[in-house]
C-alpha cells in the first residue's frame, strides 16, 4: 500500500515563520472594569429576568383569595363553634 500525501509545505515556510510571527502585534491590553464584570452582570440579569417571569406566571395562575364573606359562610356551614376558632387562633 503506497500512501502518498496530497499536501505539501510551501518552500521556505518554516524559515520565514519566525519573522512573520514576530510581525504580529502583541496585545497587552488589560480589560477594563466593565469588561471584567460583564459576565457577572449578564448572569445577574438572567436571574432577575427569571424571577420576574416566574412571579408574573405565579400571579396570573394563582387562585384568587377567598373573601371574608366566603370564609364566614364556610365556617357557618362546617359547624365549628366560636370556642374552637378561638382555641385555634390562640395556639397558632
Protein backbone atom coordinates (compact mmCIF):
# COMPACT_ATOMS: atom_id res chain seq x y z
CA UNK A 1 0.00 0.00 0.00
CA UNK A 2 1.52 3.26 -1.10
CA UNK A 3 0.28 6.24 0.88
CA UNK A 4 1.02 9.49 -0.83
CA UNK A 5 0.17 12.78 0.85
CA UNK A 6 -1.58 15.24 -1.41
CA UNK A 7 -0.48 18.20 0.68
CA UNK A 8 2.94 19.75 0.96
CA UNK A 9 4.53 22.60 2.89
CA UNK A 10 5.42 25.64 0.79
CA UNK A 11 9.12 26.25 0.20
CA UNK A 12 10.74 28.37 2.93
CA UNK A 13 7.65 28.23 5.17
CA UNK A 14 9.46 27.37 8.39
CA UNK A 15 12.40 29.69 7.65
CA UNK A 16 10.07 32.71 7.38
CA UNK A 17 7.72 31.62 10.14
CA UNK A 18 9.60 33.29 12.98
CA UNK A 19 9.75 36.66 11.22
CA UNK A 20 6.07 36.50 10.31
CA UNK A 21 5.09 35.64 13.91
CA UNK A 22 7.17 38.50 15.30
CA UNK A 23 5.39 40.90 12.92
CA UNK A 24 2.05 40.18 14.64
CA UNK A 25 1.48 42.86 17.29
CA UNK A 26 1.29 41.59 20.85
CA UNK A 27 -1.92 42.51 22.63
CA UNK A 28 -1.07 43.53 26.17
CA UNK A 29 -4.31 45.37 26.93
CA UNK A 30 -5.79 44.73 30.31
CA UNK A 31 -9.55 44.51 30.30
CA UNK A 32 -11.45 47.40 31.85
CA UNK A 33 -13.83 47.12 34.77
CA UNK A 34 -16.87 46.82 32.57
CA UNK A 35 -15.28 44.06 30.51
CA UNK A 36 -14.34 42.11 33.65
CA UNK A 37 -17.80 42.39 35.20
CA UNK A 38 -19.86 41.88 32.03
CA UNK A 39 -20.32 38.11 32.56
CA UNK A 40 -21.45 38.69 36.15
CA UNK A 41 -23.84 41.44 35.07
CA UNK A 42 -25.28 39.16 32.41
CA UNK A 43 -25.76 36.38 34.97
CA UNK A 44 -27.47 38.77 37.39
CA UNK A 45 -29.74 39.99 34.58
CA UNK A 46 -30.69 36.39 33.75
CA UNK A 47 -31.57 35.67 37.39
CA UNK A 48 -33.60 38.89 37.63
CA UNK A 49 -35.47 38.05 34.43
CA UNK A 50 -36.20 34.51 35.64
CA UNK A 51 -37.56 35.84 38.95
CA UNK A 52 -39.71 38.43 37.17
CA UNK A 53 -41.14 35.93 34.70
CA UNK A 54 -41.74 33.39 37.47
CA UNK A 55 -43.58 35.89 39.65
CA UNK A 56 -45.73 37.01 36.73
CA UNK A 57 -46.63 33.43 35.88
CA UNK A 58 -47.39 32.59 39.51
CA UNK A 59 -49.53 35.70 39.99
CA UNK A 60 -51.57 35.00 36.88
CA UNK A 61 -52.12 31.32 37.63
CA UNK A 62 -52.73 31.61 41.38
CA UNK A 63 -56.27 31.08 42.61
CA UNK A 64 -57.91 34.23 43.91
CA UNK A 65 -58.05 34.59 47.68
CA UNK A 66 -61.34 33.90 49.42
CA UNK A 67 -63.28 36.93 50.57
CA UNK A 68 -64.32 37.47 54.19
CA UNK A 69 -67.92 36.62 53.36
CA UNK A 70 -66.89 33.29 51.82
CA UNK A 71 -64.81 32.43 54.88
CA UNK A 72 -67.71 33.24 57.21
CA UNK A 73 -70.11 31.13 55.15
CA UNK A 74 -67.64 28.23 55.20
CA UNK A 75 -67.27 28.42 58.98
CA UNK A 76 -71.05 28.55 59.48
CA UNK A 77 -71.59 25.58 57.17
CA UNK A 78 -68.87 23.49 58.80
CA UNK A 79 -70.45 23.62 62.28
CA UNK A 80 -67.34 24.95 64.01
CA UNK A 81 -68.02 26.63 67.31
CA UNK A 82 -66.66 30.02 68.24
CA UNK A 83 -64.71 28.42 71.09
CA UNK A 84 -62.94 26.08 68.65
CA UNK A 85 -61.97 29.02 66.45
CA UNK A 86 -60.64 30.95 69.45
CA UNK A 87 -58.65 27.90 70.61
CA UNK A 88 -57.13 27.54 67.16
CA UNK A 89 -56.21 31.23 66.98
CA UNK A 90 -54.57 31.20 70.40
CA UNK A 91 -52.50 28.12 69.52
CA UNK A 92 -51.23 29.47 66.24
